[in-house]
C-alpha cells in the first residue's frame, strides 16, 4: 500500500461547512476526494500538535473562538472543546513548540490571545488578550494595528507577531509557567510593507517574512539569545511591472531541505520560487508558476519535499505540483480537486 498522508483543510465563506480532509499519496502526488471531517463554522486556519493526535482550528462560535479536535486512528475528528478569543474573529492560530500554549491573532480587532493547553489537549480559558497599537501609510489597510500571524521561535522562548497595520514584527517573551507573554521588542519594516506571515530557516538563524502590501519578501538574520532581527534583503515576490490586477502576497514556505523558498501571490494567482543561498540565506528569483486557480491564500509542501499543494480560495480548488529537487521549480501534475473556500493547507 502506497504511503498516504492526511491533508487537513481549513475553509471559510458561505460555501464552507467546516474542516475537510484529503489523503496525499506521497509516491504519486495523487489526492483523494476531499471529505468533510468536522462540521464547524469558518474554521479558517488549522494547526496540528507535534504527534498529530490533535487538530486546532478557528471557528465563529461566540463571535470568534478557537477549537480543538482529537484525531482518531481512522483520521476522524471529535470536538473536545472551544474557547472564545475574547476579541472577535481570529485570522491565524499556532501552538508553541511543546503544544502546551495556543496563540491566536485577531486581524480585525488588532489583538493576540493566549490560552493554556491541558494534558488531554483541551484549550483552557484565555490568560491574556493583548491589543496592539500603531498604523501605516495605507489608509485602507493600515488605519490601525492588524496582527496577521503568531508563531513561536524554534527555541520556544519568544513569540513573533507580524502586524500588517503597524509595519512591524512584534516580539514577546513567552512565560511558560503562567502561559502569558511579556513584551520584548519589535523589528520595523519599510512603511507600507504590510508584514503578514513568517517562517524560520532550518537552523533558526534566518527569518523569511512575506509582506502583503508591498509584494516583497524580507530576509532577516535572527539572533536567538536576544531575539533580535536584522534585515539582510528585501526582494520582490511579484515585480510592480506585473501588477496588472489588484495583488496581495499571502503565504511563505520553505522547502524541507531549506534550499528553496516559495511565496503566493493573490491576483496574479501564482507561486514565486526562490533559491536560498547556503550560508547567507539570501534569496534569488527562480520563477513564477501559475496555480491553475484563483486567489492562493495558502499552500503547503509535503514532508518528503516532492509535492506542493496550492489552495485557490476563489476558484474552490486544490492544485498539485511536483517539485524539482535540483532547481526547486514547480511542475503542474494536471490534478485539480474541488472544495469550498480553501483557506489553510496543513499536514
C-alpha atoms as a PDB file:
ATOM      1  CA  UNK A   1       0.000   0.000   0.000  1.00  0.00           C
ATOM      2  CA  UNK A   2       1.497   3.378  -1.008  1.00  0.00           C
ATOM      3  CA  UNK A   3       2.072   5.769   1.898  1.00  0.00           C
ATOM      4  CA  UNK A   4      -0.943   8.035   2.408  1.00  0.00           C
ATOM      5  CA  UNK A   5      -0.600  11.274   4.326  1.00  0.00           C
ATOM      6  CA  UNK A   6      -3.658  13.109   5.756  1.00  0.00           C
ATOM      7  CA  UNK A   7      -4.022  16.670   4.497  1.00  0.00           C
ATOM      8  CA  UNK A   8      -6.247  18.927   6.632  1.00  0.00           C
ATOM      9  CA  UNK A   9      -8.040  21.831   5.010  1.00  0.00           C
ATOM     10  CA  UNK A  10      -9.427  24.834   6.841  1.00  0.00           C
ATOM     11  CA  UNK A  11     -12.136  26.651   4.901  1.00  0.00           C
ATOM     12  CA  UNK A  12     -14.234  29.785   5.171  1.00  0.00           C
ATOM     13  CA  UNK A  13     -17.074  31.610   3.457  1.00  0.00           C
ATOM     14  CA  UNK A  14     -20.684  30.819   2.704  1.00  0.00           C
ATOM     15  CA  UNK A  15     -19.945  27.601   0.828  1.00  0.00           C
ATOM     16  CA  UNK A  16     -17.871  26.081   3.618  1.00  0.00           C
ATOM     17  CA  UNK A  17     -19.227  23.549   6.058  1.00  0.00           C
ATOM     18  CA  UNK A  18     -16.096  23.048   8.149  1.00  0.00           C
ATOM     19  CA  UNK A  19     -12.768  21.198   8.142  1.00  0.00           C
ATOM     20  CA  UNK A  20     -12.098  18.890   5.209  1.00  0.00           C
ATOM     21  CA  UNK A  21      -9.606  16.050   4.791  1.00  0.00           C
ATOM     22  CA  UNK A  22      -7.909  14.536   1.797  1.00  0.00           C
ATOM     23  CA  UNK A  23      -5.130  11.936   1.598  1.00  0.00           C
ATOM     24  CA  UNK A  24      -1.927  12.549  -0.340  1.00  0.00           C
ATOM     25  CA  UNK A  25      -0.101   9.633  -1.915  1.00  0.00           C
ATOM     26  CA  UNK A  26       3.487  10.769  -1.319  1.00  0.00           C
ATOM     27  CA  UNK A  27       4.778   8.487  -4.086  1.00  0.00           C
ATOM     28  CA  UNK A  28       2.434   9.595  -6.886  1.00  0.00           C
ATOM     29  CA  UNK A  29       1.200  13.001  -5.726  1.00  0.00           C
ATOM     30  CA  UNK A  30      -2.419  11.916  -6.106  1.00  0.00           C
ATOM     31  CA  UNK A  31      -5.057  13.277  -3.719  1.00  0.00           C
ATOM     32  CA  UNK A  32      -8.231  11.505  -2.689  1.00  0.00           C
ATOM     33  CA  UNK A  33     -11.526  13.378  -2.991  1.00  0.00           C
ATOM     34  CA  UNK A  34     -11.912  15.790  -0.030  1.00  0.00           C
ATOM     35  CA  UNK A  35     -14.399  14.753   2.650  1.00  0.00           C
ATOM     36  CA  UNK A  36     -15.973  16.826   5.411  1.00  0.00           C
ATOM     37  CA  UNK A  37     -14.113  15.760   8.575  1.00  0.00           C
ATOM     38  CA  UNK A  38     -15.796  18.130  11.043  1.00  0.00           C
ATOM     39  CA  UNK A  39     -18.728  20.488  10.642  1.00  0.00           C
ATOM     40  CA  UNK A  40     -17.873  23.824  12.262  1.00  0.00           C
ATOM     41  CA  UNK A  41     -18.348  27.423  11.171  1.00  0.00           C
ATOM     42  CA  UNK A  42     -15.469  29.232   9.447  1.00  0.00           C
ATOM     43  CA  UNK A  43     -12.532  27.137  10.710  1.00  0.00           C
ATOM     44  CA  UNK A  44     -10.082  29.144   8.597  1.00  0.00           C
ATOM     45  CA  UNK A  45      -6.601  28.262   9.814  1.00  0.00           C
ATOM     46  CA  UNK A  46      -5.843  24.918  11.453  1.00  0.00           C
ATOM     47  CA  UNK A  47      -2.778  23.624  13.340  1.00  0.00           C
ATOM     48  CA  UNK A  48      -1.604  20.177  14.455  1.00  0.00           C
ATOM     49  CA  UNK A  49       0.261  19.203  17.612  1.00  0.00           C
ATOM     50  CA  UNK A  50       3.650  17.546  17.145  1.00  0.00           C
ATOM     51  CA  UNK A  51       2.443  13.942  17.373  1.00  0.00           C
ATOM     52  CA  UNK A  52      -0.515  14.633  15.044  1.00  0.00           C
ATOM     53  CA  UNK A  53      -3.150  13.491  17.540  1.00  0.00           C
ATOM     54  CA  UNK A  54      -4.886  16.864  17.953  1.00  0.00           C
ATOM     55  CA  UNK A  55      -6.125  19.435  15.459  1.00  0.00           C
ATOM     56  CA  UNK A  56      -6.747  23.048  16.497  1.00  0.00           C
ATOM     57  CA  UNK A  57      -8.845  25.442  14.434  1.00  0.00           C
ATOM     58  CA  UNK A  58     -10.518  28.803  14.415  1.00  0.00           C
ATOM     59  CA  UNK A  59     -14.340  28.990  14.422  1.00  0.00           C
ATOM     60  CA  UNK A  60     -17.135  31.560  14.587  1.00  0.00           C
ATOM     61  CA  UNK A  61     -18.706  30.318  17.848  1.00  0.00           C
ATOM     62  CA  UNK A  62     -19.445  33.175  20.318  1.00  0.00           C
ATOM     63  CA  UNK A  63     -18.347  35.754  17.764  1.00  0.00           C
ATOM     64  CA  UNK A  64     -14.854  34.285  17.443  1.00  0.00           C
ATOM     65  CA  UNK A  65     -13.298  31.226  19.102  1.00  0.00           C
ATOM     66  CA  UNK A  66     -10.663  28.522  18.865  1.00  0.00           C
ATOM     67  CA  UNK A  67     -11.486  24.799  18.871  1.00  0.00           C
ATOM     68  CA  UNK A  68      -9.647  21.507  19.344  1.00  0.00           C
ATOM     69  CA  UNK A  69     -10.426  18.071  17.914  1.00  0.00           C
ATOM     70  CA  UNK A  70      -8.945  14.682  18.723  1.00  0.00           C
ATOM     71  CA  UNK A  71      -7.813  12.735  15.650  1.00  0.00           C
ATOM     72  CA  UNK A  72      -8.905   9.087  15.543  1.00  0.00           C
ATOM     73  CA  UNK A  73      -6.973   6.167  14.097  1.00  0.00           C
ATOM     74  CA  UNK A  74      -9.265   6.409  11.061  1.00  0.00           C
ATOM     75  CA  UNK A  75      -8.473  10.161  10.767  1.00  0.00           C
ATOM     76  CA  UNK A  76     -11.906  11.109  12.105  1.00  0.00           C
ATOM     77  CA  UNK A  77     -12.251  14.305  14.154  1.00  0.00           C
ATOM     78  CA  UNK A  78     -14.004  14.560  17.531  1.00  0.00           C
ATOM     79  CA  UNK A  79     -14.580  18.002  19.019  1.00  0.00           C
ATOM     80  CA  UNK A  80     -13.125  18.310  22.538  1.00  0.00           C
ATOM     81  CA  UNK A  81     -13.895  21.929  23.395  1.00  0.00           C
ATOM     82  CA  UNK A  82     -13.847  25.567  22.289  1.00  0.00           C
ATOM     83  CA  UNK A  83     -12.768  28.820  23.910  1.00  0.00           C
ATOM     84  CA  UNK A  84     -13.598  32.405  22.969  1.00  0.00           C
ATOM     85  CA  UNK A  85     -10.777  34.663  21.771  1.00  0.00           C
ATOM     86  CA  UNK A  86     -12.237  37.462  23.866  1.00  0.00           C
ATOM     87  CA  UNK A  87     -11.823  39.894  20.984  1.00  0.00           C
ATOM     88  CA  UNK A  88     -13.702  38.683  17.898  1.00  0.00           C
ATOM     89  CA  UNK A  89     -12.743  36.509  14.954  1.00  0.00           C
ATOM     90  CA  UNK A  90      -9.135  35.402  14.514  1.00  0.00           C
ATOM     91  CA  UNK A  91      -7.132  35.096  11.297  1.00  0.00           C
ATOM     92  CA  UNK A  92      -4.398  32.722  12.499  1.00  0.00           C
ATOM     93  CA  UNK A  93      -3.523  30.324  15.310  1.00  0.00           C
ATOM     94  CA  UNK A  94      -0.500  28.275  16.319  1.00  0.00           C
ATOM     95  CA  UNK A  95       0.914  26.194  19.160  1.00  0.00           C
ATOM     96  CA  UNK A  96       4.178  26.721  20.956  1.00  0.00           C
ATOM     97  CA  UNK A  97       6.901  24.122  20.296  1.00  0.00           C
ATOM     98  CA  UNK A  98       5.716  21.888  23.160  1.00  0.00           C
ATOM     99  CA  UNK A  99       1.990  22.043  22.389  1.00  0.00           C
ATOM    100  CA  UNK A 100       1.277  23.479  25.850  1.00  0.00           C
ATOM    101  CA  UNK A 101       0.256  27.015  24.807  1.00  0.00           C
ATOM    102  CA  UNK A 102      -2.009  28.184  21.979  1.00  0.00           C
ATOM    103  CA  UNK A 103      -1.910  31.626  20.370  1.00  0.00           C
ATOM    104  CA  UNK A 104      -4.419  33.347  18.099  1.00  0.00           C
ATOM    105  CA  UNK A 105      -4.096  36.571  16.112  1.00  0.00           C
ATOM    106  CA  UNK A 106      -7.168  38.764  15.615  1.00  0.00           C
ATOM    107  CA  UNK A 107      -6.549  40.782  12.460  1.00  0.00           C
ATOM    108  CA  UNK A 108      -9.767  42.820  12.644  1.00  0.00           C
ATOM    109  CA  UNK A 109      -9.591  43.881  16.274  1.00  0.00           C
ATOM    110  CA  UNK A 110      -5.786  44.200  16.392  1.00  0.00           C
ATOM    111  CA  UNK A 111      -5.030  41.757  19.189  1.00  0.00           C
ATOM    112  CA  UNK A 112      -3.484  38.407  20.116  1.00  0.00           C
ATOM    113  CA  UNK A 113      -4.855  35.913  22.645  1.00  0.00           C
ATOM    114  CA  UNK A 114      -3.022  33.314  24.743  1.00  0.00           C
ATOM    115  CA  UNK A 115      -4.513  30.016  26.010  1.00  0.00           C
ATOM    116  CA  UNK A 116      -3.008  27.224  28.157  1.00  0.00           C
ATOM    117  CA  UNK A 117      -3.388  23.657  26.849  1.00  0.00           C
ATOM    118  CA  UNK A 118      -4.372  20.878  29.278  1.00  0.00           C
ATOM    119  CA  UNK A 119      -2.737  17.444  29.351  1.00  0.00           C
ATOM    120  CA  UNK A 120      -5.572  15.973  27.248  1.00  0.00           C
ATOM    121  CA  UNK A 121      -5.205  18.736  24.671  1.00  0.00           C
ATOM    122  CA  UNK A 122      -8.252  20.742  25.684  1.00  0.00           C
ATOM    123  CA  UNK A 123      -7.965  24.515  25.456  1.00  0.00           C
ATOM    124  CA  UNK A 124      -8.011  26.332  28.789  1.00  0.00           C
ATOM    125  CA  UNK A 125      -9.551  29.721  29.401  1.00  0.00           C
ATOM    126  CA  UNK A 126      -7.530  32.522  27.865  1.00  0.00           C
ATOM    127  CA  UNK A 127      -4.863  34.046  30.097  1.00  0.00           C
ATOM    128  CA  UNK A 128      -4.275  37.201  28.057  1.00  0.00           C
ATOM    129  CA  UNK A 129      -5.665  39.397  25.320  1.00  0.00           C
ATOM    130  CA  UNK A 130      -3.023  41.886  24.171  1.00  0.00           C
ATOM    131  CA  UNK A 131      -4.093  44.727  21.914  1.00  0.00           C
ATOM    132  CA  UNK A 132      -1.529  46.164  19.534  1.00  0.00           C
ATOM    133  CA  UNK A 133      -1.148  49.815  18.558  1.00  0.00           C
ATOM    134  CA  UNK A 134       0.186  51.674  15.539  1.00  0.00           C
ATOM    135  CA  UNK A 135      -0.746  52.357  11.928  1.00  0.00           C
ATOM    136  CA  UNK A 136       0.809  52.747   8.482  1.00  0.00           C
ATOM    137  CA  UNK A 137       0.548  54.925   5.369  1.00  0.00           C
ATOM    138  CA  UNK A 138      -2.070  52.800   3.565  1.00  0.00           C
ATOM    139  CA  UNK A 139      -5.308  54.430   4.749  1.00  0.00           C
ATOM    140  CA  UNK A 140      -7.447  51.490   3.609  1.00  0.00           C
ATOM    141  CA  UNK A 141      -5.413  48.667   5.138  1.00  0.00           C
ATOM    142  CA  UNK A 142      -3.251  50.300   7.803  1.00  0.00           C
ATOM    143  CA  UNK A 143      -5.645  52.580   9.678  1.00  0.00           C
ATOM    144  CA  UNK A 144      -4.768  50.638  12.821  1.00  0.00           C
ATOM    145  CA  UNK A 145      -2.914  47.514  14.011  1.00  0.00           C
ATOM    146  CA  UNK A 146      -3.649  44.211  12.267  1.00  0.00           C
ATOM    147  CA  UNK A 147      -1.656  41.233  13.620  1.00  0.00           C
ATOM    148  CA  UNK A 148      -1.929  38.511  10.995  1.00  0.00           C
ATOM    149  CA  UNK A 149       0.225  35.666  12.350  1.00  0.00           C
ATOM    150  CA  UNK A 150       1.680  34.472  15.655  1.00  0.00           C
ATOM    151  CA  UNK A 151       4.475  31.889  15.804  1.00  0.00           C
ATOM    152  CA  UNK A 152       6.957  30.668  18.420  1.00  0.00           C
ATOM    153  CA  UNK A 153      10.700  30.808  17.822  1.00  0.00           C
ATOM    154  CA  UNK A 154      12.499  27.472  17.328  1.00  0.00           C
ATOM    155  CA  UNK A 155      13.883  27.593  20.884  1.00  0.00           C
ATOM    156  CA  UNK A 156      10.344  28.285  22.170  1.00  0.00           C
ATOM    157  CA  UNK A 157      11.410  31.358  24.155  1.00  0.00           C
ATOM    158  CA  UNK A 158       9.720  34.028  22.061  1.00  0.00           C
ATOM    159  CA  UNK A 159       6.544  34.676  20.069  1.00  0.00           C
ATOM    160  CA  UNK A 160       6.841  36.655  16.834  1.00  0.00           C
ATOM    161  CA  UNK A 161       3.775  38.527  15.528  1.00  0.00           C
ATOM    162  CA  UNK A 162       3.839  40.291  12.142  1.00  0.00           C
ATOM    163  CA  UNK A 163       1.487  43.282  12.329  1.00  0.00           C
ATOM    164  CA  UNK A 164       0.294  44.254   8.854  1.00  0.00           C
ATOM    165  CA  UNK A 165      -1.224  47.526  10.033  1.00  0.00           C
ATOM    166  CA  UNK A 166       1.776  48.759  12.021  1.00  0.00           C
ATOM    167  CA  UNK A 167       4.590  47.651   9.652  1.00  0.00           C
ATOM    168  CA  UNK A 168       6.493  45.742  12.300  1.00  0.00           C
ATOM    169  CA  UNK A 169       7.096  42.300  13.786  1.00  0.00           C
ATOM    170  CA  UNK A 170       6.247  42.450  17.486  1.00  0.00           C
ATOM    171  CA  UNK A 171       8.300  40.111  19.703  1.00  0.00           C
ATOM    172  CA  UNK A 172       7.145  38.737  23.063  1.00  0.00           C
ATOM    173  CA  UNK A 173       8.919  36.608  25.664  1.00  0.00           C
ATOM    174  CA  UNK A 174       6.853  33.507  26.489  1.00  0.00           C
ATOM    175  CA  UNK A 175       6.367  32.793  30.194  1.00  0.00           C
ATOM    176  CA  UNK A 176       5.663  29.062  30.105  1.00  0.00           C
ATOM    177  CA  UNK A 177       4.848  28.819  33.808  1.00  0.00           C
ATOM    178  CA  UNK A 178       1.908  31.200  33.544  1.00  0.00           C
ATOM    179  CA  UNK A 179       1.085  30.839  29.812  1.00  0.00           C
ATOM    180  CA  UNK A 180       1.460  34.576  29.337  1.00  0.00           C
ATOM    181  CA  UNK A 181       3.502  36.945  27.181  1.00  0.00           C
ATOM    182  CA  UNK A 182       5.859  39.764  28.155  1.00  0.00           C
ATOM    183  CA  UNK A 183       6.692  42.480  25.565  1.00  0.00           C
ATOM    184  CA  UNK A 184      10.287  42.141  24.396  1.00  0.00           C
ATOM    185  CA  UNK A 185      10.841  44.264  21.285  1.00  0.00           C
ATOM    186  CA  UNK A 186       9.977  44.726  17.636  1.00  0.00           C
ATOM    187  CA  UNK A 187      11.514  44.784  14.160  1.00  0.00           C
ATOM    188  CA  UNK A 188      10.437  47.606  11.849  1.00  0.00           C
ATOM    189  CA  UNK A 189       9.580  47.226   8.161  1.00  0.00           C
ATOM    190  CA  UNK A 190       9.534  49.883   5.456  1.00  0.00           C
ATOM    191  CA  UNK A 191       6.343  51.989   5.660  1.00  0.00           C
ATOM    192  CA  UNK A 192       3.530  50.399   3.667  1.00  0.00           C
ATOM    193  CA  UNK A 193       5.095  46.903   3.641  1.00  0.00           C
ATOM    194  CA  UNK A 194       2.229  45.163   5.430  1.00  0.00           C
ATOM    195  CA  UNK A 195       4.079  42.195   7.023  1.00  0.00           C
ATOM    196  CA  UNK A 196       1.859  39.113   7.029  1.00  0.00           C
ATOM    197  CA  UNK A 197       3.472  35.683   7.700  1.00  0.00           C
ATOM    198  CA  UNK A 198       6.977  34.445   8.503  1.00  0.00           C
ATOM    199  CA  UNK A 199       8.997  31.229   8.633  1.00  0.00           C
ATOM    200  CA  UNK A 200      12.347  30.336  10.240  1.00  0.00           C
ATOM    201  CA  UNK A 201      15.212  28.642   8.435  1.00  0.00           C
ATOM    202  CA  UNK A 202      16.000  25.075   9.485  1.00  0.00           C
ATOM    203  CA  UNK A 203      18.917  26.223  11.637  1.00  0.00           C
ATOM    204  CA  UNK A 204      16.912  29.072  13.185  1.00  0.00           C
ATOM    205  CA  UNK A 205      19.352  31.799  12.137  1.00  0.00           C
ATOM    206  CA  UNK A 206      17.201  33.390   9.400  1.00  0.00           C
ATOM    207  CA  UNK A 207      13.607  34.606   9.180  1.00  0.00           C
ATOM    208  CA  UNK A 208      11.693  34.852   5.904  1.00  0.00           C
ATOM    209  CA  UNK A 209       8.847  37.371   6.103  1.00  0.00           C
ATOM    210  CA  UNK A 210       6.282  37.976   3.382  1.00  0.00           C
ATOM    211  CA  UNK A 211       4.916  41.496   3.057  1.00  0.00           C
ATOM    212  CA  UNK A 212       1.365  41.514   1.742  1.00  0.00           C
ATOM    213  CA  UNK A 213       1.053  45.130   0.607  1.00  0.00           C
ATOM    214  CA  UNK A 214       4.487  45.688  -0.971  1.00  0.00           C
ATOM    215  CA  UNK A 215       4.523  42.182  -2.509  1.00  0.00           C
ATOM    216  CA  UNK A 216       8.015  41.507  -1.175  1.00  0.00           C
ATOM    217  CA  UNK A 217       9.921  39.031   0.982  1.00  0.00           C
ATOM    218  CA  UNK A 218      12.315  40.335   3.636  1.00  0.00           C
ATOM    219  CA  UNK A 219      15.116  38.123   4.927  1.00  0.00           C
ATOM    220  CA  UNK A 220      16.323  38.752   8.480  1.00  0.00           C
ATOM    221  CA  UNK A 221      19.260  37.435  10.450  1.00  0.00           C
ATOM    222  CA  UNK A 222      17.878  36.200  13.777  1.00  0.00           C
ATOM    223  CA  UNK A 223      19.910  36.289  16.979  1.00  0.00           C
ATOM    224  CA  UNK A 224      18.255  33.687  19.208  1.00  0.00           C
ATOM    225  CA  UNK A 225      19.840  34.746  22.517  1.00  0.00           C
ATOM    226  CA  UNK A 226      18.488  38.294  22.311  1.00  0.00           C
ATOM    227  CA  UNK A 227      15.577  37.672  19.917  1.00  0.00           C
ATOM    228  CA  UNK A 228      16.698  40.453  17.597  1.00  0.00           C
ATOM    229  CA  UNK A 229      16.032  40.647  13.861  1.00  0.00           C
ATOM    230  CA  UNK A 230      18.475  42.331  11.451  1.00  0.00           C
ATOM    231  CA  UNK A 231      17.260  42.885   7.868  1.00  0.00           C
ATOM    232  CA  UNK A 232      19.524  41.432   5.197  1.00  0.00           C
ATOM    233  CA  UNK A 233      17.493  41.593   1.989  1.00  0.00           C
ATOM    234  CA  UNK A 234      14.112  42.586   0.574  1.00  0.00           C
ATOM    235  CA  UNK A 235      13.230  41.006  -2.770  1.00  0.00           C
ATOM    236  CA  UNK A 236      10.038  41.286  -4.839  1.00  0.00           C
ATOM    237  CA  UNK A 237       7.630  38.396  -4.726  1.00  0.00           C
ATOM    238  CA  UNK A 238       5.987  39.992  -7.728  1.00  0.00           C
ATOM    239  CA  UNK A 239       7.592  42.966  -9.544  1.00  0.00           C
ATOM    240  CA  UNK A 240       5.415  46.075  -9.902  1.00  0.00           C
ATOM    241  CA  UNK A 241       5.564  45.675 -13.677  1.00  0.00           C
ATOM    242  CA  UNK A 242       3.390  42.560 -13.217  1.00  0.00           C
ATOM    243  CA  UNK A 243       0.761  44.290 -11.038  1.00  0.00           C
ATOM    244  CA  UNK A 244      -1.934  44.284 -13.741  1.00  0.00           C
ATOM    245  CA  UNK A 245      -4.735  43.468 -11.285  1.00  0.00           C
ATOM    246  CA  UNK A 246      -5.037  44.097  -7.520  1.00  0.00           C
ATOM    247  CA  UNK A 247      -2.394  41.879  -5.933  1.00  0.00           C
ATOM    248  CA  UNK A 248      -1.796  40.731  -2.372  1.00  0.00           C
ATOM    249  CA  UNK A 249       1.021  38.484  -1.174  1.00  0.00           C
ATOM    250  CA  UNK A 250      -0.206  35.801   1.206  1.00  0.00           C
ATOM    251  CA  UNK A 251       1.887  32.826   2.363  1.00  0.00           C
ATOM    252  CA  UNK A 252       5.559  31.893   2.538  1.00  0.00           C
ATOM    253  CA  UNK A 253       7.001  28.387   2.971  1.00  0.00           C
ATOM    254  CA  UNK A 254      10.461  26.841   2.973  1.00  0.00           C
ATOM    255  CA  UNK A 255      11.305  23.531   1.332  1.00  0.00           C
ATOM    256  CA  UNK A 256      12.171  20.806   3.886  1.00  0.00           C
ATOM    257  CA  UNK A 257      15.776  20.860   2.639  1.00  0.00           C
ATOM    258  CA  UNK A 258      15.988  24.610   3.239  1.00  0.00           C
ATOM    259  CA  UNK A 259      17.280  25.085  -0.319  1.00  0.00           C
ATOM    260  CA  UNK A 260      14.176  26.840  -1.689  1.00  0.00           C
ATOM    261  CA  UNK A 261      11.506  29.310  -0.570  1.00  0.00           C
ATOM    262  CA  UNK A 262       8.007  29.733  -2.000  1.00  0.00           C
ATOM    263  CA  UNK A 263       5.589  32.666  -1.795  1.00  0.00           C
ATOM    264  CA  UNK A 264       1.979  33.005  -3.017  1.00  0.00           C
ATOM    265  CA  UNK A 265       0.616  35.950  -4.971  1.00  0.00           C
ATOM    266  CA  UNK A 266      -3.138  36.545  -4.961  1.00  0.00           C
ATOM    267  CA  UNK A 267      -4.484  38.390  -8.003  1.00  0.00           C
ATOM    268  CA  UNK A 268      -1.552  37.255 -10.111  1.00  0.00           C
ATOM    269  CA  UNK A 269      -2.552  33.806  -8.819  1.00  0.00           C
ATOM    270  CA  UNK A 270       0.907  32.337  -8.764  1.00  0.00           C
ATOM    271  CA  UNK A 271       3.629  30.857  -6.588  1.00  0.00           C
ATOM    272  CA  UNK A 272       7.047  32.522  -6.655  1.00  0.00           C
ATOM    273  CA  UNK A 273      10.013  30.171  -6.348  1.00  0.00           C
ATOM    274  CA  UNK A 274      13.293  31.367  -4.817  1.00  0.00           C
ATOM    275  CA  UNK A 275      16.586  29.581  -4.318  1.00  0.00           C
ATOM    276  CA  UNK A 276      18.195  30.023  -0.894  1.00  0.00           C
ATOM    277  CA  UNK A 277      21.948  30.636  -0.823  1.00  0.00           C
ATOM    278  CA  UNK A 278      23.841  28.379   1.543  1.00  0.00           C
ATOM    279  CA  UNK A 279      25.403  30.284   4.416  1.00  0.00           C
ATOM    280  CA  UNK A 280      23.985  33.743   3.733  1.00  0.00           C
ATOM    281  CA  UNK A 281      20.389  32.557   3.371  1.00  0.00           C
ATOM    282  CA  UNK A 282      19.727  35.233   0.748  1.00  0.00           C
ATOM    283  CA  UNK A 283      17.105  34.646  -1.925  1.00  0.00           C
ATOM    284  CA  UNK A 284      17.407  34.538  -5.716  1.00  0.00           C
ATOM    285  CA  UNK A 285      14.395  34.504  -8.036  1.00  0.00           C
ATOM    286  CA  UNK A 286      13.783  31.248  -9.919  1.00  0.00           C
ATOM    287  CA  UNK A 287      10.285  31.504 -11.442  1.00  0.00           C
ATOM    288  CA  UNK A 288       6.604  32.409 -11.128  1.00  0.00           C
ATOM    289  CA  UNK A 289       4.274  29.431 -11.566  1.00  0.00           C
ATOM    290  CA  UNK A 290       0.518  29.849 -12.092  1.00  0.00           C
ATOM    291  CA  UNK A 291      -1.551  27.837  -9.603  1.00  0.00           C
ATOM    292  CA  UNK A 292      -4.248  26.949 -12.201  1.00  0.00           C
ATOM    293  CA  UNK A 293      -6.777  28.501  -9.835  1.00  0.00           C
ATOM    294  CA  UNK A 294      -7.607  31.832  -8.221  1.00  0.00           C
ATOM    295  CA  UNK A 295      -6.558  33.629  -5.036  1.00  0.00           C
ATOM    296  CA  UNK A 296      -3.931  31.346  -3.412  1.00  0.00           C
ATOM    297  CA  UNK A 297      -4.239  32.458   0.209  1.00  0.00           C
ATOM    298  CA  UNK A 298      -2.380  29.359   1.348  1.00  0.00           C
ATOM    299  CA  UNK A 299      -0.331  26.397   0.135  1.00  0.00           C
ATOM    300  CA  UNK A 300       1.934  23.774   1.674  1.00  0.00           C
ATOM    301  CA  UNK A 301       4.766  21.396   0.858  1.00  0.00           C
ATOM    302  CA  UNK A 302       4.603  17.770   1.967  1.00  0.00           C
ATOM    303  CA  UNK A 303       7.295  16.433   4.348  1.00  0.00           C
ATOM    304  CA  UNK A 304       9.031  14.491   1.569  1.00  0.00           C
ATOM    305  CA  UNK A 305       9.600  17.745  -0.343  1.00  0.00           C
ATOM    306  CA  UNK A 306       8.181  16.212  -3.529  1.00  0.00           C
ATOM    307  CA  UNK A 307       4.800  17.933  -3.741  1.00  0.00           C
ATOM    308  CA  UNK A 308       3.306  21.395  -3.346  1.00  0.00           C
ATOM    309  CA  UNK A 309      -0.464  21.739  -2.868  1.00  0.00           C
ATOM    310  CA  UNK A 310      -1.910  25.175  -3.696  1.00  0.00           C
ATOM    311  CA  UNK A 311      -5.337  26.234  -2.431  1.00  0.00           C
ATOM    312  CA  UNK A 312      -7.277  28.533  -4.752  1.00  0.00           C
ATOM    313  CA  UNK A 313      -9.812  30.136  -2.447  1.00  0.00           C
ATOM    314  CA  UNK A 314     -11.835  31.967  -5.115  1.00  0.00           C
ATOM    315  CA  UNK A 315     -11.707  29.034  -7.558  1.00  0.00           C
ATOM    316  CA  UNK A 316     -12.578  26.457  -4.849  1.00  0.00           C
ATOM    317  CA  UNK A 317      -9.637  24.312  -5.941  1.00  0.00           C
ATOM    318  CA  UNK A 318      -6.612  22.345  -4.790  1.00  0.00           C
ATOM    319  CA  UNK A 319      -3.899  22.011  -7.435  1.00  0.00           C
ATOM    320  CA  UNK A 320      -0.913  19.674  -7.209  1.00  0.00           C
ATOM    321  CA  UNK A 321       2.651  20.432  -8.336  1.00  0.00           C
ATOM    322  CA  UNK A 322       5.772  18.295  -8.295  1.00  0.00           C
ATOM    323  CA  UNK A 323       8.961  19.961  -7.063  1.00  0.00           C
ATOM    324  CA  UNK A 324      12.227  19.568  -8.932  1.00  0.00           C
ATOM    325  CA  UNK A 325      14.793  18.608  -6.249  1.00  0.00           C
ATOM    326  CA  UNK A 326      17.659  20.388  -8.009  1.00  0.00           C
ATOM    327  CA  UNK A 327      16.112  23.712  -9.019  1.00  0.00           C
ATOM    328  CA  UNK A 328      13.018  23.938  -6.814  1.00  0.00           C
ATOM    329  CA  UNK A 329      10.880  24.591  -9.904  1.00  0.00           C
ATOM    330  CA  UNK A 330       7.231  23.595  -9.879  1.00  0.00           C
ATOM    331  CA  UNK A 331       5.589  21.340 -12.459  1.00  0.00           C
ATOM    332  CA  UNK A 332       1.820  21.105 -12.650  1.00  0.00           C
ATOM    333  CA  UNK A 333       0.663  17.482 -12.420  1.00  0.00           C
ATOM    334  CA  UNK A 334      -2.712  18.377 -14.055  1.00  0.00           C
ATOM    335  CA  UNK A 335      -4.520  17.218 -10.892  1.00  0.00           C
ATOM    336  CA  UNK A 336      -7.141  19.622  -9.525  1.00  0.00           C
ATOM    337  CA  UNK A 337      -9.714  18.866  -6.835  1.00  0.00           C
ATOM    338  CA  UNK A 338     -12.691  20.955  -5.763  1.00  0.00           C
ATOM    339  CA  UNK A 339     -13.796  22.004  -2.286  1.00  0.00           C
ATOM    340  CA  UNK A 340     -15.433  25.194  -0.967  1.00  0.00           C
ATOM    341  CA  UNK A 341     -13.287  28.192   0.041  1.00  0.00           C
ATOM    342  CA  UNK A 342      -9.972  26.527   0.986  1.00  0.00           C
ATOM    343  CA  UNK A 343      -8.012  28.841   3.311  1.00  0.00           C
ATOM    344  CA  UNK A 344      -5.413  26.627   5.012  1.00  0.00           C
ATOM    345  CA  UNK A 345      -3.466  23.505   3.980  1.00  0.00           C
ATOM    346  CA  UNK A 346      -1.872  21.560   6.839  1.00  0.00           C
ATOM    347  CA  UNK A 347      -0.099  18.174   7.013  1.00  0.00           C
END
